[in-house]
């Protein structure tokens, strides 16, 4: 069985340095989750990367928002063991 601890350390470091990534944030609109799946808070917004840098989804034009809707989606969550 593979030792995942080195990968977990890297993941934890990334989470500390980059607390918002497209896989870990949820939007209140645009067909994303309306609340945080971890704590239930509705005080959330989406940040994603379509054009090479991260930005708030609500600020995107209609074309970029449509591109986001067409993407393959995953259900990813980083939590302490």
N, C-alpha and C. Protein backbone atom coordinates (compact mmCIF):
# COMPACT_ATOMS: atom_id res chain seq x y z
N UNK A 1 0.84 -1.19 0.00
CA UNK A 1 0.00 0.00 0.00
C UNK A 1 0.89 1.25 0.00
N UNK A 2 0.50 2.21 -0.78
CA UNK A 2 1.28 3.44 -0.93
C UNK A 2 1.18 4.31 0.32
N UNK A 3 2.30 4.87 0.74
CA UNK A 3 2.32 5.82 1.86
C UNK A 3 1.86 7.18 1.35
N UNK A 4 0.71 7.65 1.84
CA UNK A 4 0.16 8.92 1.35
C UNK A 4 0.63 10.13 2.15
N UNK A 5 1.39 9.91 3.21
CA UNK A 5 1.81 11.03 4.06
C UNK A 5 2.60 12.10 3.31
N UNK A 6 3.55 11.75 2.44
CA UNK A 6 4.25 12.82 1.69
C UNK A 6 3.29 13.65 0.84
N UNK A 7 2.32 13.00 0.20
CA UNK A 7 1.35 13.72 -0.61
C UNK A 7 0.43 14.58 0.27
N UNK A 8 0.08 14.06 1.45
CA UNK A 8 -0.77 14.82 2.36
C UNK A 8 -0.04 16.07 2.84
N UNK A 9 1.26 15.96 3.11
CA UNK A 9 2.04 17.12 3.54
C UNK A 9 2.03 18.20 2.46
N UNK A 10 2.21 17.78 1.21
CA UNK A 10 2.18 18.73 0.10
C UNK A 10 0.80 19.37 -0.01
N UNK A 11 -0.23 18.55 0.08
CA UNK A 11 -1.60 19.05 -0.01
C UNK A 11 -1.90 20.04 1.12
N UNK A 12 -1.47 19.72 2.33
CA UNK A 12 -1.67 20.63 3.46
C UNK A 12 -0.96 21.95 3.24
N UNK A 13 0.27 21.90 2.72
CA UNK A 13 1.03 23.13 2.47
C UNK A 13 0.35 23.98 1.41
N UNK A 14 -0.13 23.35 0.35
CA UNK A 14 -0.85 24.09 -0.68
C UNK A 14 -2.10 24.73 -0.10
N UNK A 15 -2.83 23.99 0.73
CA UNK A 15 -4.05 24.52 1.34
C UNK A 15 -3.74 25.72 2.23
N UNK A 16 -2.60 25.70 2.92
CA UNK A 16 -2.21 26.84 3.75
C UNK A 16 -1.88 28.06 2.90
N UNK A 17 -1.17 27.85 1.82
CA UNK A 17 -0.72 28.95 0.97
C UNK A 17 -1.78 29.43 0.00
N UNK A 18 -2.62 28.54 -0.46
CA UNK A 18 -3.65 28.85 -1.46
C UNK A 18 -5.00 28.37 -0.93
N UNK A 19 -5.63 29.12 -0.02
CA UNK A 19 -6.86 28.64 0.59
C UNK A 19 -8.05 28.57 -0.34
N UNK A 20 -7.97 29.17 -1.51
CA UNK A 20 -9.09 29.11 -2.45
C UNK A 20 -8.61 28.54 -3.78
N UNK A 21 -9.14 27.42 -4.14
CA UNK A 21 -8.84 26.82 -5.43
C UNK A 21 -10.15 26.30 -6.01
N UNK A 22 -10.22 26.16 -7.31
CA UNK A 22 -11.49 25.83 -7.94
C UNK A 22 -12.12 24.56 -7.37
N UNK A 23 -11.32 23.59 -6.95
CA UNK A 23 -11.85 22.35 -6.43
C UNK A 23 -12.35 22.48 -5.00
N UNK A 24 -11.99 23.54 -4.32
CA UNK A 24 -12.30 23.64 -2.90
C UNK A 24 -13.29 24.74 -2.55
N UNK A 25 -13.75 25.49 -3.50
CA UNK A 25 -14.68 26.58 -3.22
C UNK A 25 -16.02 26.31 -3.87
N UNK A 26 -17.01 26.95 -3.37
CA UNK A 26 -18.36 26.76 -3.87
C UNK A 26 -19.01 28.11 -4.08
N UNK A 27 -19.78 28.22 -5.11
CA UNK A 27 -20.43 29.46 -5.46
C UNK A 27 -21.88 29.46 -5.00
N UNK A 28 -22.43 30.64 -4.77
CA UNK A 28 -23.83 30.75 -4.40
C UNK A 28 -24.71 30.77 -5.64
N UNK A 29 -24.11 30.71 -6.81
CA UNK A 29 -24.88 30.69 -8.05
C UNK A 29 -24.15 29.84 -9.07
N UNK A 30 -24.55 29.91 -10.31
CA UNK A 30 -23.88 29.21 -11.41
C UNK A 30 -23.85 27.69 -11.22
N UNK A 31 -24.89 27.15 -10.62
CA UNK A 31 -25.06 25.70 -10.49
C UNK A 31 -24.01 25.03 -9.60
N UNK A 32 -23.45 25.77 -8.70
CA UNK A 32 -22.54 25.18 -7.72
C UNK A 32 -23.30 25.00 -6.41
N UNK A 33 -22.66 24.40 -5.45
CA UNK A 33 -23.30 24.19 -4.16
C UNK A 33 -23.66 25.52 -3.51
N UNK A 34 -24.86 25.65 -2.92
CA UNK A 34 -25.27 26.90 -2.28
C UNK A 34 -24.67 27.09 -0.88
N UNK A 35 -24.04 26.05 -0.33
CA UNK A 35 -23.47 26.14 1.01
C UNK A 35 -22.22 25.27 1.09
N UNK A 36 -21.38 25.59 2.05
CA UNK A 36 -20.17 24.81 2.28
C UNK A 36 -20.55 23.39 2.70
N UNK A 37 -20.04 22.36 2.02
CA UNK A 37 -20.39 20.99 2.39
C UNK A 37 -19.76 20.56 3.72
N UNK A 38 -18.80 21.33 4.20
CA UNK A 38 -18.11 20.97 5.44
C UNK A 38 -18.80 21.57 6.67
N UNK A 39 -19.11 22.89 6.63
CA UNK A 39 -19.68 23.55 7.81
C UNK A 39 -21.11 24.04 7.61
N UNK A 40 -21.61 24.02 6.35
CA UNK A 40 -22.97 24.45 6.09
C UNK A 40 -23.14 25.94 5.88
N UNK A 41 -22.08 26.72 5.98
CA UNK A 41 -22.17 28.17 5.81
C UNK A 41 -22.64 28.52 4.41
N UNK A 42 -23.50 29.53 4.31
CA UNK A 42 -23.92 30.03 3.00
C UNK A 42 -23.14 31.28 2.62
N UNK A 43 -22.16 31.66 3.43
CA UNK A 43 -21.31 32.81 3.15
C UNK A 43 -20.13 32.34 2.30
N UNK A 44 -20.42 31.93 1.07
CA UNK A 44 -19.41 31.40 0.17
C UNK A 44 -19.53 32.04 -1.21
N UNK A 45 -18.47 31.97 -1.98
CA UNK A 45 -18.48 32.43 -3.36
C UNK A 45 -17.49 31.59 -4.15
N UNK A 46 -17.63 31.60 -5.44
CA UNK A 46 -16.79 30.76 -6.29
C UNK A 46 -15.57 31.49 -6.81
N UNK A 47 -14.47 30.79 -6.83
CA UNK A 47 -13.24 31.27 -7.45
C UNK A 47 -12.76 30.13 -8.34
N UNK A 48 -12.43 30.44 -9.56
CA UNK A 48 -11.97 29.40 -10.47
C UNK A 48 -10.95 29.98 -11.45
N UNK A 49 -10.42 29.10 -12.26
CA UNK A 49 -9.41 29.50 -13.23
C UNK A 49 -9.83 28.99 -14.61
N UNK A 50 -10.21 29.89 -15.47
CA UNK A 50 -10.56 29.53 -16.84
C UNK A 50 -9.55 30.13 -17.80
N UNK A 51 -9.11 31.33 -17.54
CA UNK A 51 -8.27 32.04 -18.50
C UNK A 51 -6.82 32.17 -18.04
N UNK A 52 -6.37 31.28 -17.15
CA UNK A 52 -4.97 31.28 -16.76
C UNK A 52 -4.68 31.88 -15.40
N UNK A 53 -5.68 32.46 -14.75
CA UNK A 53 -5.49 33.01 -13.41
C UNK A 53 -6.80 32.87 -12.65
N UNK A 54 -6.72 32.88 -11.33
CA UNK A 54 -7.91 32.74 -10.50
C UNK A 54 -8.66 34.05 -10.39
N UNK A 55 -9.98 33.98 -10.44
CA UNK A 55 -10.81 35.16 -10.28
C UNK A 55 -12.19 34.75 -9.78
N UNK A 56 -12.94 35.72 -9.28
CA UNK A 56 -14.28 35.48 -8.75
C UNK A 56 -15.24 35.22 -9.92
N UNK A 57 -15.95 34.12 -9.87
CA UNK A 57 -16.83 33.70 -10.96
C UNK A 57 -17.88 34.75 -11.29
N UNK A 58 -18.45 35.39 -10.28
CA UNK A 58 -19.51 36.37 -10.51
C UNK A 58 -19.03 37.55 -11.37
N UNK A 59 -17.73 37.76 -11.46
CA UNK A 59 -17.20 38.86 -12.28
C UNK A 59 -16.97 38.47 -13.74
N UNK A 60 -17.16 37.21 -14.09
CA UNK A 60 -16.89 36.73 -15.44
C UNK A 60 -17.99 37.14 -16.41
N UNK A 61 -17.62 37.24 -17.70
CA UNK A 61 -18.63 37.48 -18.72
C UNK A 61 -19.41 36.19 -18.99
N UNK A 62 -20.50 36.29 -19.74
CA UNK A 62 -21.38 35.13 -19.97
C UNK A 62 -20.66 33.99 -20.68
N UNK A 63 -19.74 34.31 -21.56
CA UNK A 63 -19.01 33.28 -22.29
C UNK A 63 -18.16 32.43 -21.35
N UNK A 64 -17.44 33.07 -20.45
CA UNK A 64 -16.59 32.33 -19.51
C UNK A 64 -17.43 31.54 -18.51
N UNK A 65 -18.58 32.10 -18.09
CA UNK A 65 -19.47 31.37 -17.18
C UNK A 65 -20.03 30.12 -17.88
N UNK A 66 -20.35 30.22 -19.17
CA UNK A 66 -20.83 29.06 -19.92
C UNK A 66 -19.73 28.01 -20.04
N UNK A 67 -18.49 28.44 -20.22
CA UNK A 67 -17.36 27.51 -20.29
C UNK A 67 -17.23 26.74 -18.99
N UNK A 68 -17.40 27.42 -17.88
CA UNK A 68 -17.33 26.76 -16.57
C UNK A 68 -18.42 25.71 -16.43
N UNK A 69 -19.61 26.00 -16.87
CA UNK A 69 -20.72 25.05 -16.77
C UNK A 69 -20.46 23.79 -17.60
N UNK A 70 -19.70 23.90 -18.68
CA UNK A 70 -19.42 22.75 -19.55
C UNK A 70 -18.29 21.87 -19.02
N UNK A 71 -17.56 22.33 -18.06
CA UNK A 71 -16.41 21.56 -17.55
C UNK A 71 -16.85 20.29 -16.84
N UNK A 72 -15.93 19.32 -16.84
CA UNK A 72 -16.13 18.12 -16.04
C UNK A 72 -15.93 18.52 -14.59
N UNK A 73 -16.83 18.10 -13.74
CA UNK A 73 -16.76 18.50 -12.33
C UNK A 73 -16.42 17.29 -11.46
N UNK A 74 -15.75 17.56 -10.37
CA UNK A 74 -15.45 16.53 -9.39
C UNK A 74 -15.98 16.97 -8.04
N UNK A 75 -15.95 16.08 -7.10
CA UNK A 75 -16.38 16.39 -5.74
C UNK A 75 -15.17 16.20 -4.84
N UNK A 76 -14.42 17.28 -4.65
CA UNK A 76 -13.17 17.21 -3.91
C UNK A 76 -13.31 17.97 -2.60
N UNK A 77 -12.70 17.45 -1.55
CA UNK A 77 -12.73 18.15 -0.28
C UNK A 77 -11.47 17.80 0.48
N UNK A 78 -10.82 18.80 1.03
CA UNK A 78 -9.62 18.58 1.83
C UNK A 78 -10.01 18.75 3.28
N UNK A 79 -9.81 17.73 4.08
CA UNK A 79 -10.16 17.81 5.50
C UNK A 79 -9.09 17.09 6.31
N UNK A 80 -8.96 17.50 7.55
CA UNK A 80 -8.00 16.84 8.43
C UNK A 80 -8.48 15.42 8.72
N UNK A 81 -7.54 14.55 8.95
CA UNK A 81 -7.90 13.16 9.24
C UNK A 81 -8.48 13.05 10.62
